[in-house]
Amino acid sequence: FIEKNLKGDLSSCVLVVATSDDSPLMRKYGAFCAMSVAEYFKNQGLDVLFIMDSVTRFAMAQREIGLALGEPPTSKGYPPSALSLLPQLMERAGKEENKGSITAFFSVLVEGDDLSDPIADQARSILDGHIVLSRELTDYGIYPPINILNSASRVAKDIISESQNLYARKFRRLYALLKENEMLIRIGSYQMGNDKELDEAIKKKALMEQFLAQDENALQPFEQSFQQLEEILR
């Protein structure tokens, strides 16, 4: 990971590591240690990017600790302390007046793509947004395999223009129609002309899928992405 993803100058990086074979206490406090380091730099007036992999293993560590202390298992084997620990960590991210900020990305692993998993459910209730990755899109070779219909942002409307928000909503609407009628389209049961909006989605399907796919090392400015989105939806 260090060689492939953090290559180059590491003077602005701090890496806190607690592997899966470490003790539950080490895995638990590794996360809190990393957040404390981020808070130190935030208090210096700096803007910090905090990336944690993963919240699930953090909760599993507390599950082991809680069960060992005699806590009753409740939701999918997690004791109450495992779920109550998440906001104690996650709510420390964000911006503080007259100081810097912490922008945090927490990865969450779910069993069998079950989005009702208690850890995923708790994380969604705390964080400002979530990006859901799809096994199905991976099977089709679409990377990054982001399921835009299950992903959401609570702050998007506050940081993009009204026209950009309208384009984004229209794209999601057309993409949702494609997914909803995918089987009918594949077997040839849908006749063009029956639904004007679905007709538009079918015509733009290739461009939409091309827009959603991106090379791993590709970099594209935000404004350029929205310009491309506008061209697709015109």
C-alpha atoms as a PDB file:
ATOM      1  CA  PHE A   1       0.000   0.000   0.000  1.00  0.00           C
ATOM      2  CA  ILE A   2       2.770   2.443   0.922  1.00  0.00           C
ATOM      3  CA  GLU A   3       4.737   1.757  -2.245  1.00  0.00           C
ATOM      4  CA  LYS A   4       1.767   1.768  -4.661  1.00  0.00           C
ATOM      5  CA  ASN A   5      -0.632   4.323  -3.210  1.00  0.00           C
ATOM      6  CA  LEU A   6       1.549   6.643  -1.139  1.00  0.00           C
ATOM      7  CA  LYS A   7       4.490   6.822  -3.511  1.00  0.00           C
ATOM      8  CA  GLY A   8       6.472  10.028  -3.737  1.00  0.00           C
ATOM      9  CA  ASP A   9       6.980  12.560  -0.963  1.00  0.00           C
ATOM     10  CA  LEU A  10       5.477  11.208   2.268  1.00  0.00           C
ATOM     11  CA  SER A  11       6.322  14.283   4.346  1.00  0.00           C
ATOM     12  CA  SER A  12       2.629  15.246   4.522  1.00  0.00           C
ATOM     13  CA  CYS A  13       1.382  11.710   5.315  1.00  0.00           C
ATOM     14  CA  VAL A  14       0.950   9.970   8.648  1.00  0.00           C
ATOM     15  CA  LEU A  15       0.162   6.256   8.522  1.00  0.00           C
ATOM     16  CA  VAL A  16      -1.274   4.451  11.557  1.00  0.00           C
ATOM     17  CA  VAL A  17      -1.370   0.681  11.083  1.00  0.00           C
ATOM     18  CA  ALA A  18      -3.162  -1.983  13.122  1.00  0.00           C
ATOM     19  CA  THR A  19      -3.419  -5.224  11.158  1.00  0.00           C
ATOM     20  CA  SER A  20      -6.220  -7.778  11.452  1.00  0.00           C
ATOM     21  CA  ASP A  21      -4.046 -10.122  13.530  1.00  0.00           C
ATOM     22  CA  ASP A  22      -3.412  -7.456  16.189  1.00  0.00           C
ATOM     23  CA  SER A  23      -5.334  -7.588  19.450  1.00  0.00           C
ATOM     24  CA  PRO A  24      -8.846  -6.068  19.538  1.00  0.00           C
ATOM     25  CA  LEU A  25      -7.600  -3.268  21.803  1.00  0.00           C
ATOM     26  CA  MET A  26      -4.807  -2.416  19.365  1.00  0.00           C
ATOM     27  CA  ARG A  27      -7.252  -2.323  16.429  1.00  0.00           C
ATOM     28  CA  LYS A  28      -9.707  -0.185  18.386  1.00  0.00           C
ATOM     29  CA  TYR A  29      -7.222   2.381  19.663  1.00  0.00           C
ATOM     30  CA  GLY A  30      -5.377   2.467  16.344  1.00  0.00           C
ATOM     31  CA  ALA A  31      -8.436   4.235  14.902  1.00  0.00           C
ATOM     32  CA  PHE A  32      -8.652   6.693  17.795  1.00  0.00           C
ATOM     33  CA  CYS A  33      -4.899   7.331  17.571  1.00  0.00           C
ATOM     34  CA  ALA A  34      -5.189   8.149  13.862  1.00  0.00           C
ATOM     35  CA  MET A  35      -8.064  10.561  14.521  1.00  0.00           C
ATOM     36  CA  SER A  36      -6.078  12.244  17.306  1.00  0.00           C
ATOM     37  CA  VAL A  37      -3.193  12.795  14.891  1.00  0.00           C
ATOM     38  CA  ALA A  38      -5.626  14.329  12.395  1.00  0.00           C
ATOM     39  CA  GLU A  39      -7.042  16.596  15.111  1.00  0.00           C
ATOM     40  CA  TYR A  40      -3.544  17.771  16.026  1.00  0.00           C
ATOM     41  CA  PHE A  41      -2.949  19.047  12.496  1.00  0.00           C
ATOM     42  CA  LYS A  42      -6.480  20.464  12.316  1.00  0.00           C
ATOM     43  CA  ASN A  43      -5.767  22.501  15.447  1.00  0.00           C
ATOM     44  CA  GLN A  44      -2.720  23.940  13.657  1.00  0.00           C
ATOM     45  CA  GLY A  45      -5.106  25.405  11.084  1.00  0.00           C
ATOM     46  CA  LEU A  46      -4.445  22.755   8.439  1.00  0.00           C
ATOM     47  CA  ASP A  47      -6.957  20.926   6.247  1.00  0.00           C
ATOM     48  CA  VAL A  48      -6.564  17.181   6.785  1.00  0.00           C
ATOM     49  CA  LEU A  49      -7.672  14.268   4.609  1.00  0.00           C
ATOM     50  CA  PHE A  50      -8.445  11.290   6.873  1.00  0.00           C
ATOM     51  CA  ILE A  51      -8.870   7.851   5.277  1.00  0.00           C
ATOM     52  CA  MET A  52      -9.754   4.814   7.400  1.00  0.00           C
ATOM     53  CA  ASP A  53      -9.986   1.181   6.292  1.00  0.00           C
ATOM     54  CA  SER A  54     -12.184  -0.022   7.752  1.00  0.00           C
ATOM     55  CA  VAL A  55     -14.969   0.911  10.135  1.00  0.00           C
ATOM     56  CA  THR A  56     -16.201  -2.680  10.003  1.00  0.00           C
ATOM     57  CA  ARG A  57     -12.974  -4.072  11.473  1.00  0.00           C
ATOM     58  CA  PHE A  58     -13.033  -1.283  14.066  1.00  0.00           C
ATOM     59  CA  ALA A  59     -16.550  -2.348  15.111  1.00  0.00           C
ATOM     60  CA  MET A  60     -15.538  -6.021  15.069  1.00  0.00           C
ATOM     61  CA  ALA A  61     -12.716  -5.217  17.474  1.00  0.00           C
ATOM     62  CA  GLN A  62     -15.187  -3.618  19.886  1.00  0.00           C
ATOM     63  CA  ARG A  63     -17.508  -6.602  19.393  1.00  0.00           C
ATOM     64  CA  GLU A  64     -14.750  -8.936  20.603  1.00  0.00           C
ATOM     65  CA  ILE A  65     -14.075  -6.669  23.578  1.00  0.00           C
ATOM     66  CA  GLY A  66     -17.751  -6.262  24.450  1.00  0.00           C
ATOM     67  CA  LEU A  67     -18.560  -9.971  24.246  1.00  0.00           C
ATOM     68  CA  ALA A  68     -15.510 -10.791  26.370  1.00  0.00           C
ATOM     69  CA  LEU A  69     -16.834  -8.369  29.017  1.00  0.00           C
ATOM     70  CA  GLY A  70     -20.230 -10.083  28.999  1.00  0.00           C
ATOM     71  CA  GLU A  71     -22.252  -7.669  26.868  1.00  0.00           C
ATOM     72  CA  PRO A  72     -25.263  -9.295  25.173  1.00  0.00           C
ATOM     73  CA  PRO A  73     -25.074  -9.595  21.378  1.00  0.00           C
ATOM     74  CA  THR A  74     -27.914  -7.684  19.750  1.00  0.00           C
ATOM     75  CA  SER A  75     -27.906  -6.700  16.074  1.00  0.00           C
ATOM     76  CA  LYS A  76     -26.127  -9.398  14.015  1.00  0.00           C
ATOM     77  CA  GLY A  77     -23.949 -10.309  16.963  1.00  0.00           C
ATOM     78  CA  TYR A  78     -22.786  -6.761  17.712  1.00  0.00           C
ATOM     79  CA  PRO A  79     -23.158  -5.616  21.331  1.00  0.00           C
ATOM     80  CA  PRO A  80     -24.549  -2.109  21.991  1.00  0.00           C
ATOM     81  CA  SER A  81     -21.073  -0.680  22.666  1.00  0.00           C
ATOM     82  CA  ALA A  82     -19.904  -1.516  19.126  1.00  0.00           C
ATOM     83  CA  LEU A  83     -22.605   0.654  17.553  1.00  0.00           C
ATOM     84  CA  SER A  84     -22.345   3.474  20.096  1.00  0.00           C
ATOM     85  CA  LEU A  85     -18.587   3.684  19.476  1.00  0.00           C
ATOM     86  CA  LEU A  86     -18.986   4.762  15.831  1.00  0.00           C
ATOM     87  CA  PRO A  87     -20.259   8.322  16.474  1.00  0.00           C
ATOM     88  CA  GLN A  88     -17.503   8.805  19.065  1.00  0.00           C
ATOM     89  CA  LEU A  89     -14.996   8.403  16.246  1.00  0.00           C
ATOM     90  CA  MET A  90     -16.844   9.787  13.223  1.00  0.00           C
ATOM     91  CA  GLU A  91     -18.238  12.958  14.796  1.00  0.00           C
ATOM     92  CA  ARG A  92     -14.686  14.168  15.444  1.00  0.00           C
ATOM     93  CA  ALA A  93     -14.252  14.827  11.719  1.00  0.00           C
ATOM     94  CA  GLY A  94     -15.393  18.092  10.157  1.00  0.00           C
ATOM     95  CA  LYS A  95     -14.516  21.775  10.322  1.00  0.00           C
ATOM     96  CA  GLU A  96     -14.010  23.841  13.453  1.00  0.00           C
ATOM     97  CA  GLU A  97     -14.241  27.613  13.614  1.00  0.00           C
ATOM     98  CA  ASN A  98     -10.866  29.433  13.590  1.00  0.00           C
ATOM     99  CA  LYS A  99      -9.115  26.106  13.026  1.00  0.00           C
ATOM    100  CA  GLY A 100      -8.599  23.714  10.123  1.00  0.00           C
ATOM    101  CA  SER A 101     -10.766  20.846   8.979  1.00  0.00           C
ATOM    102  CA  ILE A 102     -10.845  17.055   8.731  1.00  0.00           C
ATOM    103  CA  THR A 103     -12.408  15.559   5.615  1.00  0.00           C
ATOM    104  CA  ALA A 104     -12.902  11.878   6.410  1.00  0.00           C
ATOM    105  CA  PHE A 105     -13.482   8.829   4.240  1.00  0.00           C
ATOM    106  CA  PHE A 106     -14.481   5.673   6.138  1.00  0.00           C
ATOM    107  CA  SER A 107     -14.704   2.379   4.254  1.00  0.00           C
ATOM    108  CA  VAL A 108     -17.400  -0.065   5.372  1.00  0.00           C
ATOM    109  CA  LEU A 109     -17.479  -3.758   4.439  1.00  0.00           C
ATOM    110  CA  VAL A 110     -20.889  -5.448   4.213  1.00  0.00           C
ATOM    111  CA  GLU A 111     -21.722  -9.136   3.972  1.00  0.00           C
ATOM    112  CA  GLY A 112     -23.389 -10.133   0.705  1.00  0.00           C
ATOM    113  CA  ASP A 113     -23.945  -6.497  -0.352  1.00  0.00           C
ATOM    114  CA  ASP A 114     -26.508  -6.168   2.460  1.00  0.00           C
ATOM    115  CA  LEU A 115     -26.923  -2.405   2.912  1.00  0.00           C
ATOM    116  CA  SER A 116     -29.074  -3.009   5.999  1.00  0.00           C
ATOM    117  CA  ASP A 117     -25.988  -4.299   7.804  1.00  0.00           C
ATOM    118  CA  PRO A 118     -25.970  -2.600  11.247  1.00  0.00           C
ATOM    119  CA  ILE A 119     -22.531  -1.024  10.772  1.00  0.00           C
ATOM    120  CA  ALA A 120     -23.369   0.316   7.307  1.00  0.00           C
ATOM    121  CA  ASP A 121     -26.742   1.536   8.563  1.00  0.00           C
ATOM    122  CA  GLN A 122     -25.181   3.341  11.527  1.00  0.00           C
ATOM    123  CA  ALA A 123     -22.472   4.903   9.349  1.00  0.00           C
ATOM    124  CA  ARG A 124     -25.060   6.224   6.873  1.00  0.00           C
ATOM    125  CA  SER A 125     -26.995   7.847   9.704  1.00  0.00           C
ATOM    126  CA  ILE A 126     -23.901   9.726  10.910  1.00  0.00           C
ATOM    127  CA  LEU A 127     -21.960  10.707   7.791  1.00  0.00           C
ATOM    128  CA  ASP A 128     -22.783  13.380   5.197  1.00  0.00           C
ATOM    129  CA  GLY A 129     -22.881  10.916   2.321  1.00  0.00           C
ATOM    130  CA  HIS A 130     -22.042   7.431   1.135  1.00  0.00           C
ATOM    131  CA  ILE A 131     -20.566   5.882  -2.010  1.00  0.00           C
ATOM    132  CA  VAL A 132     -21.776   2.328  -2.628  1.00  0.00           C
ATOM    133  CA  LEU A 133     -19.599  -0.029  -4.675  1.00  0.00           C
ATOM    134  CA  SER A 134     -21.320  -2.774  -6.684  1.00  0.00           C
ATOM    135  CA  ARG A 135     -20.136  -6.331  -7.386  1.00  0.00           C
ATOM    136  CA  GLU A 136     -22.411  -6.388 -10.442  1.00  0.00           C
ATOM    137  CA  LEU A 137     -20.633  -3.416 -12.024  1.00  0.00           C
ATOM    138  CA  THR A 138     -17.293  -5.079 -11.302  1.00  0.00           C
ATOM    139  CA  ASP A 139     -18.507  -8.169 -13.176  1.00  0.00           C
ATOM    140  CA  TYR A 140     -19.259  -5.937 -16.173  1.00  0.00           C
ATOM    141  CA  GLY A 141     -15.767  -4.440 -15.976  1.00  0.00           C
ATOM    142  CA  ILE A 142     -17.006  -0.955 -15.051  1.00  0.00           C
ATOM    143  CA  TYR A 143     -14.546   0.886 -12.806  1.00  0.00           C
ATOM    144  CA  PRO A 144     -14.914   2.543 -10.436  1.00  0.00           C
ATOM    145  CA  PRO A 145     -17.923   0.258  -9.742  1.00  0.00           C
ATOM    146  CA  ILE A 146     -20.018   2.971  -8.078  1.00  0.00           C
ATOM    147  CA  ASN A 147     -23.749   2.309  -7.808  1.00  0.00           C
ATOM    148  CA  ILE A 148     -24.990   5.879  -8.227  1.00  0.00           C
ATOM    149  CA  LEU A 149     -28.592   4.917  -7.422  1.00  0.00           C
ATOM    150  CA  ASN A 150     -27.688   3.673  -3.935  1.00  0.00           C
ATOM    151  CA  SER A 151     -25.112   6.405  -3.308  1.00  0.00           C
ATOM    152  CA  ALA A 152     -26.101   9.786  -1.881  1.00  0.00           C
ATOM    153  CA  SER A 153     -24.803  13.105  -0.591  1.00  0.00           C
ATOM    154  CA  ARG A 154     -26.551  15.299   1.951  1.00  0.00           C
ATOM    155  CA  VAL A 155     -24.427  18.335   1.134  1.00  0.00           C
ATOM    156  CA  ALA A 156     -24.372  18.194  -2.688  1.00  0.00           C
ATOM    157  CA  LYS A 157     -27.163  20.745  -3.124  1.00  0.00           C
ATOM    158  CA  ASP A 158     -25.230  23.204  -0.935  1.00  0.00           C
ATOM    159  CA  ILE A 159     -21.962  23.039  -2.886  1.00  0.00           C
ATOM    160  CA  ILE A 160     -23.108  22.820  -6.524  1.00  0.00           C
ATOM    161  CA  SER A 161     -25.180  25.239  -8.584  1.00  0.00           C
ATOM    162  CA  GLU A 162     -28.899  24.784  -9.212  1.00  0.00           C
ATOM    163  CA  SER A 163     -28.300  23.902 -12.869  1.00  0.00           C
ATOM    164  CA  GLN A 164     -25.666  21.320 -11.912  1.00  0.00           C
ATOM    165  CA  ASN A 165     -28.098  19.800  -9.412  1.00  0.00           C
ATOM    166  CA  LEU A 166     -30.795  19.561 -12.107  1.00  0.00           C
ATOM    167  CA  TYR A 167     -28.417  17.822 -14.519  1.00  0.00           C
ATOM    168  CA  ALA A 168     -27.312  15.380 -11.803  1.00  0.00           C
ATOM    169  CA  ARG A 169     -30.938  14.556 -10.918  1.00  0.00           C
ATOM    170  CA  LYS A 170     -31.844  14.052 -14.574  1.00  0.00           C
ATOM    171  CA  PHE A 171     -28.877  11.714 -15.071  1.00  0.00           C
ATOM    172  CA  ARG A 172     -29.926   9.629 -12.054  1.00  0.00           C
ATOM    173  CA  ARG A 173     -33.517   9.541 -13.319  1.00  0.00           C
ATOM    174  CA  LEU A 174     -32.523   8.283 -16.785  1.00  0.00           C
ATOM    175  CA  TYR A 175     -30.083   5.765 -15.318  1.00  0.00           C
ATOM    176  CA  ALA A 176     -32.773   4.496 -12.916  1.00  0.00           C
ATOM    177  CA  LEU A 177     -35.175   4.007 -15.839  1.00  0.00           C
ATOM    178  CA  LEU A 178     -32.541   1.976 -17.682  1.00  0.00           C
ATOM    179  CA  LYS A 179     -31.983  -0.279 -14.680  1.00  0.00           C
ATOM    180  CA  GLU A 180     -35.709  -0.652 -14.016  1.00  0.00           C
ATOM    181  CA  ASN A 181     -36.408  -1.744 -17.599  1.00  0.00           C
ATOM    182  CA  GLU A 182     -33.101  -3.494 -18.288  1.00  0.00           C
ATOM    183  CA  MET A 183     -34.613  -6.964 -18.744  1.00  0.00           C
ATOM    184  CA  LEU A 184     -37.337  -5.743 -21.127  1.00  0.00           C
ATOM    185  CA  ILE A 185     -34.742  -3.922 -23.219  1.00  0.00           C
ATOM    186  CA  ARG A 186     -32.404  -6.940 -23.334  1.00  0.00           C
ATOM    187  CA  ILE A 187     -35.047  -9.389 -24.561  1.00  0.00           C
ATOM    188  CA  GLY A 188     -36.461  -6.882 -27.049  1.00  0.00           C
ATOM    189  CA  SER A 189     -39.873  -6.548 -25.408  1.00  0.00           C
ATOM    190  CA  TYR A 190     -39.744  -2.768 -25.175  1.00  0.00           C
ATOM    191  CA  GLN A 191     -40.913  -0.853 -28.245  1.00  0.00           C
ATOM    192  CA  MET A 192     -39.375   2.566 -28.839  1.00  0.00           C
ATOM    193  CA  GLY A 193     -41.977   5.321 -28.678  1.00  0.00           C
ATOM    194  CA  ASN A 194     -43.931   3.933 -25.712  1.00  0.00           C
ATOM    195  CA  ASP A 195     -42.115   6.131 -23.184  1.00  0.00           C
ATOM    196  CA  LYS A 196     -40.401   9.342 -24.275  1.00  0.00           C
ATOM    197  CA  GLU A 197     -38.138   9.519 -21.223  1.00  0.00           C
ATOM    198  CA  LEU A 198     -37.074   5.873 -21.488  1.00  0.00           C
ATOM    199  CA  ASP A 199     -36.417   6.371 -25.210  1.00  0.00           C
ATOM    200  CA  GLU A 200     -34.009   9.176 -24.315  1.00  0.00           C
ATOM    201  CA  ALA A 201     -32.290   6.965 -21.731  1.00  0.00           C
ATOM    202  CA  ILE A 202     -31.820   4.129 -24.245  1.00  0.00           C
ATOM    203  CA  LYS A 203     -30.361   6.489 -26.855  1.00  0.00           C
ATOM    204  CA  LYS A 204     -27.882   7.885 -24.337  1.00  0.00           C
ATOM    205  CA  LYS A 205     -27.070   4.583 -22.608  1.00  0.00           C
ATOM    206  CA  ALA A 206     -23.593   4.165 -24.134  1.00  0.00           C
ATOM    207  CA  LEU A 207     -22.599   7.767 -23.352  1.00  0.00           C
ATOM    208  CA  MET A 208     -23.886   7.466 -19.784  1.00  0.00           C
ATOM    209  CA  GLU A 209     -21.952   4.255 -19.129  1.00  0.00           C
ATOM    210  CA  GLN A 210     -18.844   5.808 -20.654  1.00  0.00           C
ATOM    211  CA  PHE A 211     -19.265   8.810 -18.345  1.00  0.00           C
ATOM    212  CA  LEU A 212     -19.466   6.553 -15.265  1.00  0.00           C
ATOM    213  CA  ALA A 213     -16.294   4.609 -16.144  1.00  0.00           C
ATOM    214  CA  GLN A 214     -12.846   6.039 -15.479  1.00  0.00           C
ATOM    215  CA  ASP A 215      -9.282   4.781 -15.614  1.00  0.00           C
ATOM    216  CA  GLU A 216      -7.664   4.216 -12.221  1.00  0.00           C
ATOM    217  CA  ASN A 217      -5.007   6.888 -12.774  1.00  0.00           C
ATOM    218  CA  ALA A 218      -7.224   9.384 -14.632  1.00  0.00           C
ATOM    219  CA  LEU A 219      -7.589  12.868 -13.173  1.00  0.00           C
ATOM    220  CA  GLN A 220     -10.428  15.136 -14.271  1.00  0.00           C
ATOM    221  CA  PRO A 221     -11.426  18.535 -12.835  1.00  0.00           C
ATOM    222  CA  PHE A 222     -14.909  18.839 -11.352  1.00  0.00           C
ATOM    223  CA  GLU A 223     -15.949  21.520 -13.864  1.00  0.00           C
ATOM    224  CA  GLN A 224     -14.868  19.344 -16.794  1.00  0.00           C
ATOM    225  CA  SER A 225     -16.960  16.441 -15.502  1.00  0.00           C
ATOM    226  CA  PHE A 226     -20.088  18.597 -15.343  1.00  0.00           C
ATOM    227  CA  GLN A 227     -19.401  20.015 -18.784  1.00  0.00           C
ATOM    228  CA  GLN A 228     -19.293  16.441 -20.081  1.00  0.00           C
ATOM    229  CA  LEU A 229     -22.523  15.669 -18.202  1.00  0.00           C
ATOM    230  CA  GLU A 230     -24.282  18.647 -19.800  1.00  0.00           C
ATOM    231  CA  GLU A 231     -23.199  17.549 -23.273  1.00  0.00           C
ATOM    232  CA  ILE A 232     -24.669  14.075 -22.684  1.00  0.00           C
ATOM    233  CA  LEU A 233     -28.028  15.348 -21.435  1.00  0.00           C
ATOM    234  CA  ARG A 234     -28.641  18.138 -23.960  1.00  0.00           C
END
